[in-house]
Protein backbone atom coordinates (compact mmCIF):
# COMPACT_ATOMS: atom_id res chain seq x y z
CA MET A 1 -8.38 -14.88 27.84
CA ASN A 2 -5.47 -15.27 30.27
CA SER A 3 -2.32 -13.16 30.16
CA TYR A 4 -0.20 -15.96 28.68
CA THR A 5 -2.64 -16.46 25.80
CA GLY A 6 -2.77 -12.70 25.24
CA GLN A 7 1.01 -12.44 25.13
CA SER A 8 1.21 -15.42 22.77
CA SER A 9 -1.39 -13.83 20.50
CA LYS A 10 0.50 -10.52 20.42
CA LEU A 11 3.77 -12.31 19.67
CA GLN A 12 2.12 -14.26 16.84
CA LYS A 13 0.74 -11.01 15.42
CA LEU A 14 4.19 -9.36 15.53
CA VAL A 15 5.75 -12.36 13.78
CA ILE A 16 3.07 -12.28 11.05
CA LEU A 17 3.51 -8.52 10.54
CA ALA A 18 7.31 -8.90 10.33
CA LEU A 19 6.89 -11.72 7.79
CA LEU A 20 4.42 -9.72 5.71
CA GLY A 21 6.72 -6.69 5.84
CA THR A 22 9.63 -8.79 4.56
CA ILE A 23 7.54 -10.34 1.77
CA SER A 24 6.33 -6.85 0.85
CA MET A 25 9.91 -5.58 0.65
CA VAL A 26 10.89 -8.46 -1.67
CA LEU A 27 7.90 -7.71 -3.90
CA MET A 28 9.05 -4.08 -4.06
CA PHE A 29 12.06 -5.24 -6.08
CA LEU A 30 9.82 -6.83 -8.72
CA LYS A 31 8.98 -3.64 -10.58
CA PHE A 32 7.96 -3.23 -14.17
CA PRO A 33 7.25 -0.14 -16.30
CA LEU A 34 4.10 0.41 -18.31
CA PRO A 35 4.80 0.93 -22.02
CA PHE A 36 2.64 4.04 -22.45
CA LEU A 37 3.79 5.88 -19.30
CA PRO A 38 7.12 7.53 -18.34
CA PRO A 39 9.78 4.84 -17.61
CA TYR A 40 10.55 6.17 -14.12
CA LEU A 41 7.03 5.14 -13.04
CA LYS A 42 7.23 1.41 -12.27
CA VAL A 43 4.46 -0.80 -10.94
CA ASP A 44 4.99 -3.19 -8.07
CA VAL A 45 2.52 -5.22 -6.02
CA SER A 46 4.19 -4.76 -2.66
CA ASP A 47 1.00 -3.31 -1.12
CA ILE A 48 -0.74 -6.71 -1.20
CA PRO A 49 0.84 -8.09 2.02
CA ALA A 50 0.08 -4.79 3.79
CA LEU A 51 -3.52 -4.98 2.62
CA LEU A 52 -3.76 -8.53 3.95
CA ALA A 53 -2.48 -7.32 7.33
CA ALA A 54 -4.97 -4.44 7.35
CA ILE A 55 -7.87 -6.82 6.68
CA LEU A 56 -6.69 -9.54 9.09
CA PHE A 57 -5.83 -7.26 12.01
CA SER A 58 -6.52 -3.55 11.55
CA PRO A 59 -5.69 -0.62 9.24
CA LEU A 60 -2.88 0.26 11.68
CA ALA A 61 -1.34 -3.18 11.15
CA GLY A 62 -1.32 -2.51 7.42
CA ILE A 63 0.43 0.81 8.00
CA VAL A 64 3.05 -1.01 10.12
CA VAL A 65 3.71 -3.41 7.23
CA GLU A 66 4.03 -0.48 4.81
CA ALA A 67 6.54 1.16 7.17
CA LEU A 68 8.51 -2.09 7.56
CA LYS A 69 8.58 -2.59 3.79
CA ASN A 70 9.96 0.85 3.04
CA GLY A 71 12.34 0.83 5.99
CA LEU A 72 13.80 -2.55 4.97
CA TYR A 73 14.00 -1.42 1.34
CA MET A 74 16.04 1.63 2.35
CA ILE A 75 18.35 -0.52 4.50
CA PHE A 76 18.94 -3.17 1.83
CA THR A 77 19.39 -0.77 -1.10
CA GLY A 78 20.98 2.22 0.61
CA VAL A 79 18.53 4.12 -1.51
CA SER A 80 19.57 7.60 -2.58
CA ASP A 81 15.97 8.64 -3.24
CA PRO A 82 14.21 8.99 0.13
CA ILE A 83 11.45 11.08 -1.46
CA GLY A 84 10.45 8.20 -3.73
CA VAL A 85 10.39 5.81 -0.77
CA GLY A 86 8.29 8.28 1.20
CA ALA A 87 5.89 8.61 -1.74
CA ASN A 88 5.62 4.83 -1.95
CA PHE A 89 4.71 4.69 1.75
CA LEU A 90 2.06 7.39 1.38
CA ALA A 91 0.54 5.76 -1.70
CA GLY A 92 0.40 2.41 0.05
CA VAL A 93 -1.29 3.81 3.15
CA LEU A 94 -3.79 5.81 1.07
CA PHE A 95 -4.70 2.63 -0.79
CA ILE A 96 -4.92 0.02 1.97
CA VAL A 97 -6.62 2.01 4.75
CA PRO A 98 -9.87 2.81 2.86
CA VAL A 99 -10.05 -0.76 1.55
CA ALA A 100 -9.66 -2.24 5.03
CA VAL A 101 -12.13 0.17 6.66
CA ILE A 102 -14.83 -0.50 4.04
CA TYR A 103 -14.26 -4.26 3.99
CA ARG A 104 -14.28 -4.64 7.77
CA ARG A 105 -17.70 -2.95 7.97
CA GLY A 106 -19.38 -5.51 5.72
CA LYS A 107 -16.88 -8.40 5.52
CA THR A 108 -18.31 -9.54 2.18
CA MET A 109 -16.90 -9.81 -1.32
CA LYS A 110 -19.08 -6.85 -2.29
CA SER A 111 -17.59 -4.66 0.46
CA LEU A 112 -14.10 -5.76 -0.61
CA LEU A 113 -14.77 -4.79 -4.24
CA ILE A 114 -16.22 -1.43 -3.20
CA GLY A 115 -13.24 -0.86 -0.93
CA LEU A 116 -10.73 -1.70 -3.66
CA ILE A 117 -12.39 0.63 -6.17
CA PHE A 118 -12.68 3.46 -3.66
CA GLY A 119 -9.15 2.88 -2.34
CA SER A 120 -7.65 2.97 -5.84
CA VAL A 121 -9.47 6.18 -6.79
CA PHE A 122 -8.80 7.84 -3.43
CA MET A 123 -5.11 6.95 -3.59
CA ALA A 124 -4.75 8.15 -7.19
CA LEU A 125 -6.48 11.50 -6.58
CA THR A 126 -4.78 12.19 -3.25
CA MET A 127 -1.34 11.28 -4.61
CA SER A 128 -1.99 13.63 -7.55
CA ALA A 129 -2.63 16.48 -5.12
CA LEU A 130 0.36 15.54 -2.97
CA ASN A 131 2.60 15.40 -6.04
CA TYR A 132 1.45 18.80 -7.20
CA PHE A 133 1.90 20.57 -3.88
CA LEU A 134 4.60 18.55 -2.11
CA ILE A 135 6.34 15.61 -3.79
CA LEU A 136 7.30 17.13 -7.18
CA PRO A 137 8.57 20.37 -5.58
CA ALA A 138 10.55 18.25 -3.09
CA TYR A 139 12.06 16.26 -5.97
CA SER A 140 13.07 19.47 -7.71
CA TRP A 141 14.76 20.72 -4.56
CA PHE A 142 16.43 17.37 -3.76
CA MET A 143 17.76 16.84 -7.29
CA GLY A 144 18.80 20.45 -7.74
CA TRP A 145 16.45 21.00 -10.67
CA GLU A 146 14.78 24.22 -11.62
CA THR A 147 11.48 24.76 -9.86
CA MET A 148 8.72 23.14 -11.91
CA SER A 149 6.12 25.49 -13.33
CA ALA A 150 2.45 24.84 -12.62
CA ASP A 151 1.94 23.71 -16.23
CA VAL A 152 4.80 21.19 -16.07
CA LYS A 153 3.54 19.76 -12.77
CA TRP A 154 0.02 19.54 -14.13
CA MET A 155 1.12 17.72 -17.30
CA THR A 156 3.35 15.36 -15.29
CA ILE A 157 0.39 14.40 -13.13
CA VAL A 158 -2.25 14.11 -15.84
CA ALA A 159 -0.04 12.30 -18.37
CA GLY A 160 1.83 10.12 -15.88
CA ILE A 161 1.17 10.02 -12.16
CA LEU A 162 -2.64 9.91 -12.14
CA PRO A 163 -3.08 7.10 -14.70
CA PHE A 164 -0.12 5.25 -13.19
CA ASN A 165 -1.69 5.16 -9.73
CA VAL A 166 -5.10 4.16 -11.10
CA ILE A 167 -3.53 1.25 -13.01
CA LYS A 168 -1.33 0.28 -10.05
CA GLY A 169 -4.39 0.18 -7.79
CA ALA A 170 -6.32 -1.87 -10.35
CA ILE A 171 -3.48 -4.41 -10.69
CA ALA A 172 -2.98 -4.74 -6.94
CA GLY A 173 -6.73 -4.97 -6.39
CA SER A 174 -7.21 -7.67 -9.04
CA LEU A 175 -4.38 -9.77 -7.63
CA PHE A 176 -5.67 -9.32 -4.08
CA ILE A 177 -9.15 -10.52 -5.10
CA MET A 178 -7.60 -13.73 -6.45
CA LEU A 179 -5.61 -14.15 -3.23
CA PHE A 180 -8.68 -13.40 -1.11
CA VAL A 181 -10.79 -16.01 -2.92
CA LYS A 182 -8.11 -18.63 -2.20
CA MET A 183 -7.75 -17.58 1.46
CA LYS A 184 -11.33 -16.52 2.22
CA ASP A 185 -12.13 -19.33 4.67
CA TRP A 186 -8.84 -18.85 6.52
CA ILE A 187 -9.27 -15.06 6.72
CA GLU A 188 -12.81 -15.39 8.04
CA GLN A 189 -11.68 -18.02 10.56
CA LYS A 190 -8.90 -15.76 11.85
CA THR A 191 -11.32 -12.84 12.10
CA VAL A 192 -13.83 -14.89 14.09
CA ARG A 193 -11.11 -16.10 16.46
CA ARG A 194 -9.90 -12.56 17.16
CA GLN A 195 -13.44 -11.36 17.80
CA SER A 196 -14.18 -14.22 20.20
CA ALA A 197 -10.87 -13.65 22.01
CA ALA A 198 -11.51 -9.93 22.42
């Protein structure tokens, strides 16, 4: 591979990541609450473009898309809740990285399904721990609330955050499977091209 082709390939990758980051940011606005969970917990499917980037290129590429999404969201909304944006970034990374790592080892539908299940569970459990020790205390400090007791944090996680993240992962995973089935040949073709060019 000559230097011109390499530069063209890198430029194409940057353009694709920027496009996926923008699409992801737009999807972040399409939020909806779940009727049996607290109304401040809203589901969006903005992790799907980042997951596509992670599978097409690398887990790091997916992290870049997650960062672009949240950065653009903050710029466009002037968001007054940086902790929520940070939590969204962490949840996205914790979801897409395990999925991409597991899928890229097998590159089969079975490995994708295993990755999506593991990624959803891993993200939900890790975000529960992060909320207990870091995110909920940070919210209390940022909003000027009283410090949450251990019991309140525990109930908030068990009755809200944990099931919310499990359901969010299941929704994103189901939609990604449908997208993957439609794009399977193209994804495999792109993967083969990158491997042969390496």
